[in-house]
PDB file of all heavy atoms in Angstrom:
ATOM      1  N   VAL A   1     -11.098  10.191  20.529  1.00  0.00           N
ATOM      2  CA  VAL A   1     -10.944   9.516  19.192  1.00  0.00           C
ATOM      3  C   VAL A   1     -10.595  10.770  18.197  1.00  0.00           C
ATOM      4  O   VAL A   1     -11.423  11.541  18.031  1.00  0.00           O
ATOM      5  CB  VAL A   1     -12.151   8.725  18.719  1.00  0.00           C
ATOM      6  CG1 VAL A   1     -12.052   8.113  17.432  1.00  0.00           C
ATOM      7  CG2 VAL A   1     -12.563   7.698  19.771  1.00  0.00           C
ATOM      8  N   SER A   2      -9.471  10.477  17.603  1.00  0.00           N
ATOM      9  CA  SER A   2      -9.231  11.405  16.538  1.00  0.00           C
ATOM     10  C   SER A   2      -9.759  11.075  15.181  1.00  0.00           C
ATOM     11  O   SER A   2      -9.593   9.848  14.735  1.00  0.00           O
ATOM     12  CB  SER A   2      -7.567  11.594  16.475  1.00  0.00           C
ATOM     13  OG  SER A   2      -7.229  12.435  15.412  1.00  0.00           O
ATOM     14  N   ARG A   3     -10.311  11.924  14.493  1.00  0.00           N
ATOM     15  CA  ARG A   3     -11.029  11.643  13.181  1.00  0.00           C
ATOM     16  C   ARG A   3     -10.140  12.224  12.124  1.00  0.00           C
ATOM     17  O   ARG A   3      -9.759  13.429  12.126  1.00  0.00           O
ATOM     18  CB  ARG A   3     -12.469  12.147  13.070  1.00  0.00           C
ATOM     19  CG  ARG A   3     -13.388  11.554  14.137  1.00  0.00           C
ATOM     20  CD  ARG A   3     -14.726  11.964  13.852  1.00  0.00           C
ATOM     21  NE  ARG A   3     -15.509  11.300  14.818  1.00  0.00           N
ATOM     22  CZ  ARG A   3     -16.819  11.504  15.043  1.00  0.00           C
ATOM     23  NH1 ARG A   3     -17.420  12.258  14.065  1.00  0.00           N
ATOM     24  NH2 ARG A   3     -17.524  10.776  15.841  1.00  0.00           N
ATOM     25  N   GLY A   4      -9.806  11.530  11.109  1.00  0.00           N
ATOM     26  CA  GLY A   4      -9.065  11.924  10.093  1.00  0.00           C
ATOM     27  C   GLY A   4      -9.767  11.735   8.744  1.00  0.00           C
ATOM     28  O   GLY A   4     -10.838  11.140   8.641  1.00  0.00           O
ATOM     29  N   LEU A   5      -9.211  12.277   7.750  1.00  0.00           N
ATOM     30  CA  LEU A   5      -9.812  12.080   6.291  1.00  0.00           C
ATOM     31  C   LEU A   5      -9.338  10.810   5.729  1.00  0.00           C
ATOM     32  O   LEU A   5      -8.155  10.541   5.670  1.00  0.00           O
ATOM     33  CB  LEU A   5      -9.436  13.329   5.417  1.00  0.00           C
ATOM     34  CG  LEU A   5      -9.974  13.288   4.015  1.00  0.00           C
ATOM     35  CD1 LEU A   5     -11.510  13.297   4.113  1.00  0.00           C
ATOM     36  CD2 LEU A   5      -9.467  14.477   3.330  1.00  0.00           C
ATOM     37  N   ASN A   6     -10.274  10.001   5.403  1.00  0.00           N
ATOM     38  CA  ASN A   6      -9.900   8.787   4.725  1.00  0.00           C
ATOM     39  C   ASN A   6     -10.381   8.848   3.266  1.00  0.00           C
ATOM     40  O   ASN A   6     -11.521   9.257   3.129  1.00  0.00           O
ATOM     41  CB  ASN A   6     -10.619   7.448   5.366  1.00  0.00           C
ATOM     42  CG  ASN A   6     -10.128   7.285   6.636  1.00  0.00           C
ATOM     43  OD1 ASN A   6      -8.898   7.561   6.977  1.00  0.00           O
ATOM     44  ND2 ASN A   6     -10.881   6.747   7.639  1.00  0.00           N
ATOM     45  N   ARG A   7      -9.615   8.490   2.346  1.00  0.00           N
ATOM     46  CA  ARG A   7      -9.973   8.543   0.940  1.00  0.00           C
ATOM     47  C   ARG A   7      -9.955   7.139   0.476  1.00  0.00           C
ATOM     48  O   ARG A   7      -8.929   6.475   0.674  1.00  0.00           O
ATOM     49  CB  ARG A   7      -9.096   9.458   0.146  1.00  0.00           C
ATOM     50  CG  ARG A   7      -9.206  10.864   0.489  1.00  0.00           C
ATOM     51  CD  ARG A   7      -8.461  11.683  -0.471  1.00  0.00           C
ATOM     52  NE  ARG A   7      -8.525  13.199  -0.043  1.00  0.00           N
ATOM     53  CZ  ARG A   7      -8.573  14.097  -0.836  1.00  0.00           C
ATOM     54  NH1 ARG A   7      -8.288  13.978  -2.073  1.00  0.00           N
ATOM     55  NH2 ARG A   7      -8.664  15.344  -0.377  1.00  0.00           N
ATOM     56  N   THR A   8     -10.909   6.780  -0.244  1.00  0.00           N
ATOM     57  CA  THR A   8     -10.895   5.480  -0.940  1.00  0.00           C
ATOM     58  C   THR A   8     -11.158   5.717  -2.432  1.00  0.00           C
ATOM     59  O   THR A   8     -11.896   6.590  -2.799  1.00  0.00           O
ATOM     60  CB  THR A   8     -12.041   4.515  -0.473  1.00  0.00           C
ATOM     61  OG1 THR A   8     -13.299   5.213  -0.666  1.00  0.00           O
ATOM     62  CG2 THR A   8     -11.795   4.167   0.999  1.00  0.00           C
ATOM     63  N   SER A   9     -10.454   4.902  -3.162  1.00  0.00           N
ATOM     64  CA  SER A   9     -10.701   5.100  -4.605  1.00  0.00           C
ATOM     65  C   SER A   9     -11.098   3.763  -5.184  1.00  0.00           C
ATOM     66  O   SER A   9     -10.683   2.617  -4.811  1.00  0.00           O
ATOM     67  CB  SER A   9      -9.286   5.479  -5.389  1.00  0.00           C
ATOM     68  OG  SER A   9      -8.339   4.545  -5.089  1.00  0.00           O
ATOM     69  N   LYS A  10     -11.971   3.833  -6.160  1.00  0.00           N
ATOM     70  CA  LYS A  10     -12.619   2.736  -6.693  1.00  0.00           C
ATOM     71  C   LYS A  10     -12.044   2.590  -8.151  1.00  0.00           C
ATOM     72  O   LYS A  10     -12.251   3.523  -8.982  1.00  0.00           O
ATOM     73  CB  LYS A  10     -13.964   2.699  -6.680  1.00  0.00           C
ATOM     74  CG  LYS A  10     -14.711   2.669  -5.392  1.00  0.00           C
ATOM     75  CD  LYS A  10     -16.058   2.697  -5.473  1.00  0.00           C
ATOM     76  CE  LYS A  10     -16.844   2.693  -4.092  1.00  0.00           C
ATOM     77  NZ  LYS A  10     -18.292   2.703  -4.150  1.00  0.00           N
ATOM     78  N   GLN A  11     -11.430   1.553  -8.526  1.00  0.00           N
ATOM     79  CA  GLN A  11     -11.006   1.249  -9.813  1.00  0.00           C
ATOM     80  C   GLN A  11     -11.722   0.027 -10.446  1.00  0.00           C
ATOM     81  O   GLN A  11     -11.801  -1.054  -9.756  1.00  0.00           O
ATOM     82  CB  GLN A  11      -9.419   0.889  -9.866  1.00  0.00           C
ATOM     83  CG  GLN A  11      -8.902   0.775 -11.160  1.00  0.00           C
ATOM     84  CD  GLN A  11      -7.349   0.713 -11.139  1.00  0.00           C
ATOM     85  OE1 GLN A  11      -6.785   0.749 -10.173  1.00  0.00           O
ATOM     86  NE2 GLN A  11      -6.867   0.404 -12.309  1.00  0.00           N
ATOM     87  N   SER A  12     -12.317   0.296 -11.514  1.00  0.00           N
ATOM     88  CA  SER A  12     -13.028  -0.771 -12.219  1.00  0.00           C
ATOM     89  C   SER A  12     -12.048  -1.744 -12.737  1.00  0.00           C
ATOM     90  O   SER A  12     -11.052  -1.655 -13.348  1.00  0.00           O
ATOM     91  CB  SER A  12     -13.854  -0.127 -13.388  1.00  0.00           C
ATOM     92  OG  SER A  12     -14.457  -1.096 -14.077  1.00  0.00           O
ATOM     93  N   VAL A  13     -12.520  -3.086 -12.399  1.00  0.00           N
ATOM     94  CA  VAL A  13     -11.692  -4.269 -12.758  1.00  0.00           C
ATOM     95  C   VAL A  13     -12.071  -4.707 -14.139  1.00  0.00           C
ATOM     96  O   VAL A  13     -11.379  -5.238 -14.925  1.00  0.00           O
ATOM     97  CB  VAL A  13     -11.885  -5.418 -11.709  1.00  0.00           C
ATOM     98  CG1 VAL A  13     -11.123  -6.588 -12.069  1.00  0.00           C
ATOM     99  CG2 VAL A  13     -11.353  -4.920 -10.392  1.00  0.00           C
ATOM    100  N   HIS A  14     -13.328  -4.482 -14.600  1.00  0.00           N
ATOM    101  CA  HIS A  14     -13.869  -5.050 -15.767  1.00  0.00           C
ATOM    102  C   HIS A  14     -13.196  -4.371 -17.023  1.00  0.00           C
ATOM    103  O   HIS A  14     -13.035  -4.880 -18.116  1.00  0.00           O
ATOM    104  CB  HIS A  14     -15.351  -5.060 -15.910  1.00  0.00           C
ATOM    105  CG  HIS A  14     -15.970  -3.682 -16.076  1.00  0.00           C
ATOM    106  ND1 HIS A  14     -16.267  -2.896 -14.970  1.00  0.00           N
ATOM    107  CD2 HIS A  14     -16.326  -3.041 -17.164  1.00  0.00           C
ATOM    108  CE1 HIS A  14     -16.732  -1.790 -15.343  1.00  0.00           C
ATOM    109  NE2 HIS A  14     -16.883  -1.762 -16.733  1.00  0.00           N
ATOM    110  N   GLU A  15     -12.829  -3.026 -16.894  1.00  0.00           N
ATOM    111  CA  GLU A  15     -12.273  -2.355 -18.026  1.00  0.00           C
ATOM    112  C   GLU A  15     -11.044  -2.972 -18.655  1.00  0.00           C
ATOM    113  O   GLU A  15     -10.873  -3.241 -19.860  1.00  0.00           O
ATOM    114  CB  GLU A  15     -12.094  -0.911 -17.737  1.00  0.00           C
ATOM    115  CG  GLU A  15     -13.347  -0.094 -17.522  1.00  0.00           C
ATOM    116  CD  GLU A  15     -13.098   1.283 -17.317  1.00  0.00           C
ATOM    117  OE1 GLU A  15     -11.987   1.848 -17.309  1.00  0.00           O
ATOM    118  OE2 GLU A  15     -14.044   1.960 -16.925  1.00  0.00           O
ATOM    119  N   PRO A  16      -9.990  -3.214 -17.797  1.00  0.00           N
ATOM    120  CA  PRO A  16      -8.907  -3.862 -18.292  1.00  0.00           C
ATOM    121  C   PRO A  16      -9.099  -5.186 -18.985  1.00  0.00           C
ATOM    122  O   PRO A  16      -8.428  -5.659 -19.934  1.00  0.00           O
ATOM    123  CB  PRO A  16      -7.818  -4.037 -17.100  1.00  0.00           C
ATOM    124  CG  PRO A  16      -8.209  -3.032 -16.087  1.00  0.00           C
ATOM    125  CD  PRO A  16      -9.830  -2.949 -16.359  1.00  0.00           C
ATOM    126  N   ILE A  17      -9.956  -5.921 -18.252  1.00  0.00           N
ATOM    127  CA  ILE A  17     -10.262  -7.322 -18.784  1.00  0.00           C
ATOM    128  C   ILE A  17     -10.982  -7.264 -20.125  1.00  0.00           C
ATOM    129  O   ILE A  17     -10.602  -7.929 -21.086  1.00  0.00           O
ATOM    130  CB  ILE A  17     -11.234  -8.061 -17.755  1.00  0.00           C
ATOM    131  CG1 ILE A  17     -10.362  -8.347 -16.591  1.00  0.00           C
ATOM    132  CG2 ILE A  17     -11.621  -9.346 -18.394  1.00  0.00           C
ATOM    133  CD1 ILE A  17     -11.254  -8.936 -15.436  1.00  0.00           C
ATOM    134  N   LEU A  18     -11.888  -6.268 -20.310  1.00  0.00           N
ATOM    135  CA  LEU A  18     -12.575  -6.080 -21.568  1.00  0.00           C
ATOM    136  C   LEU A  18     -11.527  -5.640 -22.617  1.00  0.00           C
ATOM    137  O   LEU A  18     -11.679  -6.077 -23.806  1.00  0.00           O
ATOM    138  CB  LEU A  18     -13.681  -5.079 -21.498  1.00  0.00           C
ATOM    139  CG  LEU A  18     -14.959  -5.496 -20.819  1.00  0.00           C
ATOM    140  CD1 LEU A  18     -15.963  -4.355 -20.644  1.00  0.00           C
ATOM    141  CD2 LEU A  18     -15.506  -6.657 -21.480  1.00  0.00           C
ATOM    142  N   LEU A  19     -10.652  -4.778 -22.286  1.00  0.00           N
ATOM    143  CA  LEU A  19      -9.738  -4.314 -23.354  1.00  0.00           C
ATOM    144  C   LEU A  19      -8.788  -5.409 -23.697  1.00  0.00           C
ATOM    145  O   LEU A  19      -8.318  -5.598 -24.810  1.00  0.00           O
ATOM    146  CB  LEU A  19      -8.773  -3.131 -22.662  1.00  0.00           C
ATOM    147  CG  LEU A  19      -9.465  -1.878 -22.550  1.00  0.00           C
ATOM    148  CD1 LEU A  19      -8.546  -0.888 -21.870  1.00  0.00           C
ATOM    149  CD2 LEU A  19      -9.845  -1.324 -24.019  1.00  0.00           C
ATOM    150  N   PHE A  20      -8.381  -6.312 -22.766  1.00  0.00           N
ATOM    151  CA  PHE A  20      -7.518  -7.476 -23.175  1.00  0.00           C
ATOM    152  C   PHE A  20      -8.308  -8.319 -23.987  1.00  0.00           C
ATOM    153  O   PHE A  20      -7.615  -8.878 -25.003  1.00  0.00           O
ATOM    154  CB  PHE A  20      -7.095  -8.137 -21.803  1.00  0.00           C
ATOM    155  CG  PHE A  20      -6.319  -9.376 -22.141  1.00  0.00           C
ATOM    156  CD1 PHE A  20      -4.931  -9.327 -22.551  1.00  0.00           C
ATOM    157  CD2 PHE A  20      -6.861 -10.663 -21.933  1.00  0.00           C
ATOM    158  CE1 PHE A  20      -4.247 -10.515 -22.753  1.00  0.00           C
ATOM    159  CE2 PHE A  20      -6.156 -11.835 -22.115  1.00  0.00           C
ATOM    160  CZ  PHE A  20      -4.837 -11.696 -22.570  1.00  0.00           C
ATOM    161  N   ALA A  21      -9.558  -8.639 -23.606  1.00  0.00           N
ATOM    162  CA  ALA A  21     -10.289  -9.503 -24.545  1.00  0.00           C
ATOM    163  C   ALA A  21     -10.467  -8.908 -26.002  1.00  0.00           C
ATOM    164  O   ALA A  21     -10.462  -9.745 -26.957  1.00  0.00           O
ATOM    165  CB  ALA A  21     -11.651  -9.844 -23.845  1.00  0.00           C
ATOM    166  N   LEU A  22     -10.774  -7.694 -26.050  1.00  0.00           N
ATOM    167  CA  LEU A  22     -10.953  -7.042 -27.283  1.00  0.00           C
ATOM    168  C   LEU A  22      -9.764  -7.137 -28.125  1.00  0.00           C
ATOM    169  O   LEU A  22      -9.750  -7.521 -29.364  1.00  0.00           O
ATOM    170  CB  LEU A  22     -11.408  -5.602 -27.161  1.00  0.00           C
ATOM    171  CG  LEU A  22     -11.624  -4.848 -28.346  1.00  0.00           C
ATOM    172  CD1 LEU A  22     -12.898  -5.495 -29.153  1.00  0.00           C
ATOM    173  CD2 LEU A  22     -12.096  -3.430 -28.054  1.00  0.00           C
ATOM    174  N   SER A  23      -8.566  -6.962 -27.442  1.00  0.00           N
ATOM    175  CA  SER A  23      -7.278  -7.038 -28.248  1.00  0.00           C
ATOM    176  C   SER A  23      -6.948  -8.401 -28.755  1.00  0.00           C
ATOM    177  O   SER A  23      -6.523  -8.722 -29.811  1.00  0.00           O
ATOM    178  CB  SER A  23      -6.128  -6.451 -27.465  1.00  0.00           C
ATOM    179  OG  SER A  23      -6.036  -6.973 -26.204  1.00  0.00           O
ATOM    180  N   VAL A  24      -7.313  -9.458 -27.911  1.00  0.00           N
ATOM    181  CA  VAL A  24      -7.108 -10.851 -28.261  1.00  0.00           C
ATOM    182  C   VAL A  24      -8.045 -11.135 -29.531  1.00  0.00           C
ATOM    183  O   VAL A  24      -7.680 -11.901 -30.489  1.00  0.00           O
ATOM    184  CB  VAL A  24      -7.329 -11.904 -27.136  1.00  0.00           C
ATOM    185  CG1 VAL A  24      -7.391 -13.240 -27.473  1.00  0.00           C
ATOM    186  CG2 VAL A  24      -6.237 -11.661 -26.078  1.00  0.00           C
ATOM    187  N   LEU A  25      -9.284 -10.617 -29.430  1.00  0.00           N
ATOM    188  CA  LEU A  25     -10.180 -10.903 -30.562  1.00  0.00           C
ATOM    189  C   LEU A  25      -9.689 -10.245 -31.823  1.00  0.00           C
ATOM    190  O   LEU A  25      -9.734 -10.882 -32.888  1.00  0.00           O
ATOM    191  CB  LEU A  25     -11.610 -10.369 -30.175  1.00  0.00           C
ATOM    192  CG  LEU A  25     -12.701 -10.539 -31.246  1.00  0.00           C
ATOM    193  CD1 LEU A  25     -12.961 -11.953 -31.442  1.00  0.00           C
ATOM    194  CD2 LEU A  25     -14.039  -9.745 -30.835  1.00  0.00           C
ATOM    195  N   CYS A  26      -9.200  -9.017 -31.677  1.00  0.00           N
ATOM    196  CA  CYS A  26      -8.752  -8.348 -32.975  1.00  0.00           C
ATOM    197  C   CYS A  26      -7.481  -9.065 -33.452  1.00  0.00           C
ATOM    198  O   CYS A  26      -7.369  -9.213 -34.706  1.00  0.00           O
ATOM    199  CB  CYS A  26      -8.390  -6.878 -32.582  1.00  0.00           C
ATOM    200  SG  CYS A  26      -9.746  -5.811 -32.404  1.00  0.00           S
ATOM    201  N   ALA A  27      -6.649  -9.466 -32.534  1.00  0.00           N
ATOM    202  CA  ALA A  27      -5.419 -10.286 -33.041  1.00  0.00           C
ATOM    203  C   ALA A  27      -5.844 -11.544 -33.738  1.00  0.00           C
ATOM    204  O   ALA A  27      -5.319 -11.971 -34.751  1.00  0.00           O
ATOM    205  CB  ALA A  27      -4.525 -10.585 -31.901  1.00  0.00           C
ATOM    206  N   ALA A  28      -6.912 -12.305 -33.154  1.00  0.00           N
ATOM    207  CA  ALA A  28      -7.387 -13.549 -33.836  1.00  0.00           C
ATOM    208  C   ALA A  28      -8.111 -13.238 -35.148  1.00  0.00           C
ATOM    209  O   ALA A  28      -7.719 -13.965 -36.053  1.00  0.00           O
ATOM    210  CB  ALA A  28      -8.403 -14.141 -32.808  1.00  0.00           C
ATOM    211  N   LEU A  29      -8.588 -12.176 -35.277  1.00  0.00           N
ATOM    212  CA  LEU A  29      -9.368 -11.946 -36.592  1.00  0.00           C
ATOM    213  C   LEU A  29      -8.207 -11.513 -37.605  1.00  0.00           C
ATOM    214  O   LEU A  29      -8.356 -11.880 -38.739  1.00  0.00           O
ATOM    215  CB  LEU A  29     -10.355 -10.667 -36.368  1.00  0.00           C
ATOM    216  CG  LEU A  29     -11.629 -11.112 -35.690  1.00  0.00           C
ATOM    217  CD1 LEU A  29     -12.522  -9.779 -35.430  1.00  0.00           C
ATOM    218  CD2 LEU A  29     -12.364 -12.105 -36.458  1.00  0.00           C
ATOM    219  N   LEU A  30      -7.321 -10.660 -37.175  1.00  0.00           N
ATOM    220  CA  LEU A  30      -6.136 -10.436 -38.090  1.00  0.00           C
ATOM    221  C   LEU A  30      -5.430 -11.558 -38.440  1.00  0.00           C
ATOM    222  O   LEU A  30      -5.069 -11.743 -39.563  1.00  0.00           O
ATOM    223  CB  LEU A  30      -5.256  -9.286 -37.384  1.00  0.00           C
ATOM    224  CG  LEU A  30      -5.797  -7.857 -37.352  1.00  0.00           C
ATOM    225  CD1 LEU A  30      -4.818  -7.054 -36.531  1.00  0.00           C
ATOM    226  CD2 LEU A  30      -5.939  -7.306 -38.680  1.00  0.00           C
ATOM    227  N   TYR A  31      -5.109 -12.422 -37.627  1.00  0.00           N
ATOM    228  CA  TYR A  31      -4.363 -13.645 -37.884  1.00  0.00           C
ATOM    229  C   TYR A  31      -5.138 -14.392 -38.842  1.00  0.00           C
ATOM    230  O   TYR A  31      -4.723 -15.043 -39.759  1.00  0.00           O
ATOM    231  CB  TYR A  31      -3.978 -14.449 -36.468  1.00  0.00           C
ATOM    232  CG  TYR A  31      -3.373 -15.641 -36.770  1.00  0.00           C
ATOM    233  CD1 TYR A  31      -1.978 -15.680 -36.979  1.00  0.00           C
ATOM    234  CD2 TYR A  31      -4.058 -17.069 -36.872  1.00  0.00           C
ATOM    235  CE1 TYR A  31      -1.324 -16.924 -37.248  1.00  0.00           C
ATOM    236  CE2 TYR A  31      -3.404 -18.176 -37.034  1.00  0.00           C
ATOM    237  CZ  TYR A  31      -1.855 -18.068 -37.260  1.00  0.00           C
ATOM    238  OH  TYR A  31      -1.352 -19.357 -37.483  1.00  0.00           O
ATOM    239  N   ARG A  32      -6.490 -14.713 -38.640  1.00  0.00           N
ATOM    240  CA  ARG A  32      -7.334 -15.424 -39.454  1.00  0.00           C
ATOM    241  C   ARG A  32      -7.348 -14.921 -40.900  1.00  0.00           C
ATOM    242  O   ARG A  32      -7.226 -15.682 -41.893  1.00  0.00           O
ATOM    243  CB  ARG A  32      -8.723 -15.462 -38.874  1.00  0.00           C
ATOM    244  CG  ARG A  32      -9.695 -16.287 -39.766  1.00  0.00           C
ATOM    245  CD  ARG A  32     -11.072 -16.434 -39.061  1.00  0.00           C
ATOM    246  NE  ARG A  32     -11.919 -16.802 -40.026  1.00  0.00           N
ATOM    247  CZ  ARG A  32     -13.199 -16.337 -40.171  1.00  0.00           C
ATOM    248  NH1 ARG A  32     -13.532 -15.386 -39.416  1.00  0.00           N
ATOM    249  NH2 ARG A  32     -13.991 -16.724 -41.094  1.00  0.00           N
TER     250      ARG A  32
END
């Protein structure tokens, strides 16, 4: 059995969602 180097990367899913929600909130406040 040959063993190789496996790399896994973890990317947070909540950060893009929070940024999108924050920008929608800011847009709504500005519009209001």
